[in-house]
C-alpha atoms as a PDB file:
ATOM      1  CA  MET A   1      -8.817 134.312  79.483  1.00  0.00           C
ATOM      2  CA  VAL A   2      -6.996 136.491  76.805  1.00  0.00           C
ATOM      3  CA  LYS A   3      -9.111 138.283  74.390  1.00  0.00           C
ATOM      4  CA  LEU A   4      -7.358 140.056  71.582  1.00  0.00           C
ATOM      5  CA  ASP A   5      -9.620 142.195  69.411  1.00  0.00           C
ATOM      6  CA  LYS A   6      -7.095 144.084  67.845  1.00  0.00           C
ATOM      7  CA  ILE A   7      -3.546 142.715  66.975  1.00  0.00           C
ATOM      8  CA  TYR A   8      -1.649 146.024  66.623  1.00  0.00           C
ATOM      9  CA  THR A   9      -1.834 148.848  69.344  1.00  0.00           C
ATOM     10  CA  ARG A  10       0.621 151.140  68.038  1.00  0.00           C
ATOM     11  CA  GLY A  11       1.919 151.205  71.675  1.00  0.00           C
ATOM     12  CA  GLY A  12       5.341 149.843  70.819  1.00  0.00           C
ATOM     13  CA  ASP A  13       6.023 152.359  67.916  1.00  0.00           C
ATOM     14  CA  ALA A  14       8.447 154.319  70.145  1.00  0.00           C
ATOM     15  CA  GLY A  15      10.368 151.122  70.788  1.00  0.00           C
ATOM     16  CA  GLU A  16       8.898 150.221  74.285  1.00  0.00           C
ATOM     17  CA  SER A  17       6.487 147.567  75.289  1.00  0.00           C
ATOM     18  CA  GLY A  18       4.698 146.747  78.294  1.00  0.00           C
ATOM     19  CA  LEU A  19       5.047 144.129  81.078  1.00  0.00           C
ATOM     20  CA  THR A  20       2.211 142.349  82.843  1.00  0.00           C
ATOM     21  CA  ASP A  21       2.808 144.793  85.848  1.00  0.00           C
ATOM     22  CA  GLY A  22       1.947 147.704  83.742  1.00  0.00           C
ATOM     23  CA  THR A  23       5.535 149.023  83.420  1.00  0.00           C
ATOM     24  CA  ARG A  24       7.004 149.906  80.072  1.00  0.00           C
ATOM     25  CA  ARG A  25      10.522 149.061  78.963  1.00  0.00           C
ATOM     26  CA  SER A  26      12.669 149.422  75.865  1.00  0.00           C
ATOM     27  CA  LYS A  27      12.134 146.546  73.567  1.00  0.00           C
ATOM     28  CA  ALA A  28      15.834 146.244  73.579  1.00  0.00           C
ATOM     29  CA  ASP A  29      15.691 145.519  77.478  1.00  0.00           C
ATOM     30  CA  GLN A  30      17.221 142.142  78.695  1.00  0.00           C
ATOM     31  CA  ARG A  31      13.959 141.218  79.972  1.00  0.00           C
ATOM     32  CA  PHE A  32      12.575 141.103  76.363  1.00  0.00           C
ATOM     33  CA  ALA A  33      15.529 139.465  75.043  1.00  0.00           C
ATOM     34  CA  ALA A  34      14.850 136.579  77.251  1.00  0.00           C
ATOM     35  CA  ILE A  35      11.057 136.547  76.779  1.00  0.00           C
ATOM     36  CA  GLY A  36      11.854 136.514  72.818  1.00  0.00           C
ATOM     37  CA  ALA A  37      14.393 133.756  73.077  1.00  0.00           C
ATOM     38  CA  VAL A  38      11.719 131.630  74.890  1.00  0.00           C
ATOM     39  CA  ASP A  39       9.243 132.447  72.244  1.00  0.00           C
ATOM     40  CA  GLU A  40      11.753 131.456  69.522  1.00  0.00           C
ATOM     41  CA  THR A  41      12.179 128.148  71.390  1.00  0.00           C
ATOM     42  CA  ASN A  42       8.507 127.764  71.384  1.00  0.00           C
ATOM     43  CA  SER A  43       8.370 128.376  67.524  1.00  0.00           C
ATOM     44  CA  ALA A  44      10.955 125.899  66.789  1.00  0.00           C
ATOM     45  CA  ILE A  45       9.222 123.417  68.812  1.00  0.00           C
ATOM     46  CA  GLY A  46       6.131 124.138  66.855  1.00  0.00           C
ATOM     47  CA  VAL A  47       8.072 123.487  63.657  1.00  0.00           C
ATOM     48  CA  ALA A  48       9.299 119.971  65.163  1.00  0.00           C
ATOM     49  CA  ARG A  49       5.626 119.225  65.782  1.00  0.00           C
ATOM     50  CA  LEU A  50       4.882 119.123  62.205  1.00  0.00           C
ATOM     51  CA  ASP A  51       6.887 116.045  61.940  1.00  0.00           C
ATOM     52  CA  SER A  52       5.938 114.458  65.456  1.00  0.00           C
ATOM     53  CA  SER A  53       3.223 112.404  66.386  1.00  0.00           C
ATOM     54  CA  GLY A  54       2.005 109.949  69.193  1.00  0.00           C
ATOM     55  CA  PRO A  55       3.672 110.233  72.583  1.00  0.00           C
ATOM     56  CA  LEU A  56       6.440 112.734  71.547  1.00  0.00           C
ATOM     57  CA  ASP A  57       3.911 115.072  70.154  1.00  0.00           C
ATOM     58  CA  VAL A  58       1.915 114.888  73.367  1.00  0.00           C
ATOM     59  CA  LEU A  59       5.165 115.885  75.320  1.00  0.00           C
ATOM     60  CA  LEU A  60       5.973 118.608  73.013  1.00  0.00           C
ATOM     61  CA  ALA A  61       2.395 119.886  73.233  1.00  0.00           C
ATOM     62  CA  ARG A  62       2.802 120.090  77.047  1.00  0.00           C
ATOM     63  CA  VAL A  63       6.261 121.790  76.526  1.00  0.00           C
ATOM     64  CA  GLN A  64       4.757 124.450  74.342  1.00  0.00           C
ATOM     65  CA  ASN A  65       2.168 125.341  77.018  1.00  0.00           C
ATOM     66  CA  ASP A  66       4.914 125.463  79.718  1.00  0.00           C
ATOM     67  CA  LEU A  67       6.877 127.788  77.463  1.00  0.00           C
ATOM     68  CA  PHE A  68       3.811 130.268  77.567  1.00  0.00           C
ATOM     69  CA  ASP A  69       3.791 129.947  81.216  1.00  0.00           C
ATOM     70  CA  LEU A  70       7.569 130.769  81.252  1.00  0.00           C
ATOM     71  CA  GLY A  71       6.909 133.753  79.067  1.00  0.00           C
ATOM     72  CA  ALA A  72       4.422 134.916  81.551  1.00  0.00           C
ATOM     73  CA  ASP A  73       6.766 134.435  84.513  1.00  0.00           C
ATOM     74  CA  LEU A  74       9.481 136.614  82.813  1.00  0.00           C
ATOM     75  CA  SER A  75       6.933 139.201  81.862  1.00  0.00           C
ATOM     76  CA  THR A  76       6.065 139.671  85.471  1.00  0.00           C
ATOM     77  CA  PRO A  77       9.286 141.259  87.242  1.00  0.00           C
ATOM     78  CA  GLU A  78       9.817 139.831  90.882  1.00  0.00           C
ATOM     79  CA  ASP A  79      10.577 143.188  92.451  1.00  0.00           C
ATOM     80  CA  GLY A  80       9.774 142.064  95.940  1.00  0.00           C
ATOM     81  CA  ARG A  81       6.091 143.007  95.793  1.00  0.00           C
ATOM     82  CA  LYS A  82       3.466 140.396  96.489  1.00  0.00           C
ATOM     83  CA  ASP A  83       2.441 139.228  93.178  1.00  0.00           C
ATOM     84  CA  GLU A  84      -0.283 136.621  94.156  1.00  0.00           C
ATOM     85  CA  GLY A  85      -1.827 136.297  90.612  1.00  0.00           C
ATOM     86  CA  ALA A  86       1.371 136.095  88.724  1.00  0.00           C
ATOM     87  CA  LEU A  87       1.925 132.943  86.662  1.00  0.00           C
ATOM     88  CA  ARG A  88       5.219 131.269  87.876  1.00  0.00           C
ATOM     89  CA  ILE A  89       6.877 128.240  86.675  1.00  0.00           C
ATOM     90  CA  ALA A  90       6.465 125.587  89.408  1.00  0.00           C
ATOM     91  CA  PRO A  91       8.975 123.057  90.734  1.00  0.00           C
ATOM     92  CA  THR A  92       6.535 120.576  89.656  1.00  0.00           C
ATOM     93  CA  GLN A  93       7.091 121.505  86.080  1.00  0.00           C
ATOM     94  CA  VAL A  94      10.834 121.093  86.329  1.00  0.00           C
ATOM     95  CA  ALA A  95      10.266 117.511  88.105  1.00  0.00           C
ATOM     96  CA  ARG A  96       7.921 116.497  85.300  1.00  0.00           C
ATOM     97  CA  LEU A  97      10.755 117.274  82.608  1.00  0.00           C
ATOM     98  CA  GLU A  98      13.260 115.377  84.621  1.00  0.00           C
ATOM     99  CA  HIS A  99      10.954 112.399  85.010  1.00  0.00           C
ATOM    100  CA  GLU A 100      10.201 112.506  81.160  1.00  0.00           C
ATOM    101  CA  ILE A 101      13.967 112.728  80.440  1.00  0.00           C
ATOM    102  CA  ASP A 102      14.610 109.775  82.562  1.00  0.00           C
ATOM    103  CA  ALA A 103      11.809 107.682  81.025  1.00  0.00           C
ATOM    104  CA  MET A 104      12.851 108.712  77.423  1.00  0.00           C
ATOM    105  CA  ASN A 105      16.640 107.921  78.091  1.00  0.00           C
ATOM    106  CA  GLU A 106      15.982 104.498  79.880  1.00  0.00           C
ATOM    107  CA  ASP A 107      16.101 102.437  76.510  1.00  0.00           C
ATOM    108  CA  LEU A 108      18.674 104.431  74.875  1.00  0.00           C
ATOM    109  CA  LYS A 109      22.228 103.142  74.587  1.00  0.00           C
ATOM    110  CA  PRO A 110      24.846 105.264  76.280  1.00  0.00           C
ATOM    111  CA  LEU A 111      26.735 107.673  74.202  1.00  0.00           C
ATOM    112  CA  THR A 112      30.197 107.012  73.020  1.00  0.00           C
ATOM    113  CA  SER A 113      30.594 110.182  71.045  1.00  0.00           C
ATOM    114  CA  PHE A 114      29.002 113.556  70.659  1.00  0.00           C
ATOM    115  CA  ILE A 115      26.159 113.885  68.338  1.00  0.00           C
ATOM    116  CA  LEU A 116      25.915 116.138  65.335  1.00  0.00           C
ATOM    117  CA  PRO A 117      22.527 117.851  65.013  1.00  0.00           C
ATOM    118  CA  GLY A 118      20.689 115.810  62.287  1.00  0.00           C
ATOM    119  CA  GLY A 119      19.616 112.205  61.473  1.00  0.00           C
ATOM    120  CA  SER A 120      15.974 112.342  60.989  1.00  0.00           C
ATOM    121  CA  ARG A 121      13.992 115.497  60.069  1.00  0.00           C
ATOM    122  CA  LEU A 122      11.987 115.462  63.321  1.00  0.00           C
ATOM    123  CA  ALA A 123      15.658 114.973  65.242  1.00  0.00           C
ATOM    124  CA  ALA A 124      17.061 117.998  63.333  1.00  0.00           C
ATOM    125  CA  HIS A 125      14.271 120.182  64.399  1.00  0.00           C
ATOM    126  CA  LEU A 126      14.481 119.018  67.812  1.00  0.00           C
ATOM    127  CA  HIS A 127      18.258 119.778  67.906  1.00  0.00           C
ATOM    128  CA  LEU A 128      17.519 123.213  66.321  1.00  0.00           C
ATOM    129  CA  ALA A 129      14.897 123.854  69.229  1.00  0.00           C
ATOM    130  CA  ARG A 130      17.499 122.560  71.750  1.00  0.00           C
ATOM    131  CA  ALA A 131      20.186 124.945  70.610  1.00  0.00           C
ATOM    132  CA  ILE A 132      17.655 127.938  70.760  1.00  0.00           C
ATOM    133  CA  ALA A 133      16.569 126.781  74.215  1.00  0.00           C
ATOM    134  CA  ARG A 134      20.121 127.116  75.358  1.00  0.00           C
ATOM    135  CA  ARG A 135      20.300 130.662  73.987  1.00  0.00           C
ATOM    136  CA  ALA A 136      17.129 131.370  75.791  1.00  0.00           C
ATOM    137  CA  GLU A 137      18.889 130.007  78.861  1.00  0.00           C
ATOM    138  CA  ARG A 138      21.737 132.444  78.232  1.00  0.00           C
ATOM    139  CA  GLU A 139      19.410 135.235  77.840  1.00  0.00           C
ATOM    140  CA  MET A 140      17.645 134.426  81.132  1.00  0.00           C
ATOM    141  CA  LEU A 141      20.924 134.120  83.096  1.00  0.00           C
ATOM    142  CA  MET A 142      21.960 137.518  81.662  1.00  0.00           C
ATOM    143  CA  LEU A 143      18.642 138.958  83.068  1.00  0.00           C
ATOM    144  CA  ALA A 144      19.293 137.196  86.285  1.00  0.00           C
ATOM    145  CA  ALA A 145      22.472 138.830  86.836  1.00  0.00           C
ATOM    146  CA  LYS A 146      20.651 142.130  86.855  1.00  0.00           C
ATOM    147  CA  GLU A 147      17.150 141.395  88.278  1.00  0.00           C
ATOM    148  CA  ALA A 148      15.427 138.501  90.029  1.00  0.00           C
ATOM    149  CA  VAL A 149      14.414 135.530  88.167  1.00  0.00           C
ATOM    150  CA  GLY A 150      12.580 132.692  89.732  1.00  0.00           C
ATOM    151  CA  PRO A 151      14.994 129.516  90.348  1.00  0.00           C
ATOM    152  CA  ALA A 152      12.284 127.124  88.875  1.00  0.00           C
ATOM    153  CA  ALA A 153      12.252 129.261  85.529  1.00  0.00           C
ATOM    154  CA  LEU A 154      16.149 129.011  85.279  1.00  0.00           C
ATOM    155  CA  GLN A 155      15.903 125.241  86.196  1.00  0.00           C
ATOM    156  CA  TYR A 156      13.032 124.599  83.865  1.00  0.00           C
ATOM    157  CA  ILE A 157      15.040 126.040  80.702  1.00  0.00           C
ATOM    158  CA  ASN A 158      18.022 124.229  81.713  1.00  0.00           C
ATOM    159  CA  ARG A 159      16.189 121.029  81.755  1.00  0.00           C
ATOM    160  CA  LEU A 160      14.359 121.627  78.570  1.00  0.00           C
ATOM    161  CA  SER A 161      17.395 121.547  76.294  1.00  0.00           C
ATOM    162  CA  ASP A 162      18.329 118.113  77.802  1.00  0.00           C
ATOM    163  CA  HIS A 163      14.656 116.974  77.299  1.00  0.00           C
ATOM    164  CA  LEU A 164      14.872 117.983  73.654  1.00  0.00           C
ATOM    165  CA  PHE A 165      18.187 116.392  73.151  1.00  0.00           C
ATOM    166  CA  VAL A 166      17.040 112.985  74.445  1.00  0.00           C
ATOM    167  CA  MET A 167      13.848 113.323  72.391  1.00  0.00           C
ATOM    168  CA  ALA A 168      15.989 113.952  69.301  1.00  0.00           C
ATOM    169  CA  ARG A 169      17.804 110.728  70.164  1.00  0.00           C
ATOM    170  CA  LEU A 170      14.519 108.996  70.257  1.00  0.00           C
ATOM    171  CA  ALA A 171      13.474 110.545  67.007  1.00  0.00           C
ATOM    172  CA  ASN A 172      16.634 109.116  65.553  1.00  0.00           C
ATOM    173  CA  ASP A 173      15.315 105.602  65.706  1.00  0.00           C
ATOM    174  CA  GLY A 174      16.175 105.207  69.374  1.00  0.00           C
ATOM    175  CA  GLY A 175      19.657 106.487  68.787  1.00  0.00           C
ATOM    176  CA  ALA A 176      20.419 104.069  66.005  1.00  0.00           C
ATOM    177  CA  GLY A 177      20.233 106.973  63.402  1.00  0.00           C
ATOM    178  CA  ASP A 178      22.390 109.520  65.616  1.00  0.00           C
ATOM    179  CA  VAL A 179      25.167 111.270  63.545  1.00  0.00           C
ATOM    180  CA  LEU A 180      28.189 110.839  65.432  1.00  0.00           C
ATOM    181  CA  TRP A 181      30.968 113.476  65.764  1.00  0.00           C
ATOM    182  CA  ILE A 182      34.315 111.999  64.403  1.00  0.00           C
ATOM    183  CA  PRO A 183      36.958 114.358  65.985  1.00  0.00           C
ATOM    184  CA  GLY A 184      39.470 115.567  63.442  1.00  0.00           C
ATOM    185  CA  GLN A 185      37.712 113.969  60.381  1.00  0.00           C
ATOM    186  CA  THR A 186      37.881 116.844  58.159  1.00  0.00           C
ATOM    187  CA  ARG A 187      41.639 117.970  58.963  1.00  0.00           C
ATOM    188  CA  GLY A 188      43.418 115.877  56.336  1.00  0.00           C
ATOM    189  CA  PRO A 189      44.018 116.750  52.722  1.00  0.00           C
END
C-alpha cells in the first residue's frame, strides 16, 4: 500500500524524477511524457464523472483504476530484467474493455456521419477524455519506438479511446443527441 507522509521531496528540483526501478531520468524523457498523458486522461475522466451516474460511472471508476495500473506499468521499464513484482496491464483488462464496448454499442444505431465532440455535458467531457487518450497512445507509441512497452499496455490505451467514444454516444441519449458533422457546411458565403 502507498503511504505518502510528505507531498514534496525536492528530489525533482533539478529536472529529474524517479521510476519505480530506482533509476532517475529527465522529466522531459519520453517515458514521463507517456505517463503524464495517461494521467491527463485519468483526470479528464474524473471531470466526466462529475456528470455520470449508474452503470456508466461504475465503468469509468474501473477505467480510472486501470489507468493507475497503466501508469505503474509505464513507470517500470521493461529492460529484460525479471520484474516479478511489476504491475503490468493484463490482457484481461483489454478483453474487458472490448466486451464493454460491444455491450454498449449493441443498441446504438450505426453511424452515417462522423460525430462532432459535444451533445450533452457528459458526452462532451467523454469526447475530451477520448482525445486525450489518443494523445496518450501517441506518446506511448513514441516511447515504444525507443524502449520496450508491453503489448497489452498499448492495446489497452487504443481500446480506451473507442470505449470513451461509444460511452459518449450513450451519454447523448443513445446516439439521438449526437452532433453530426456536415461536410463543407461552413464553406459558403
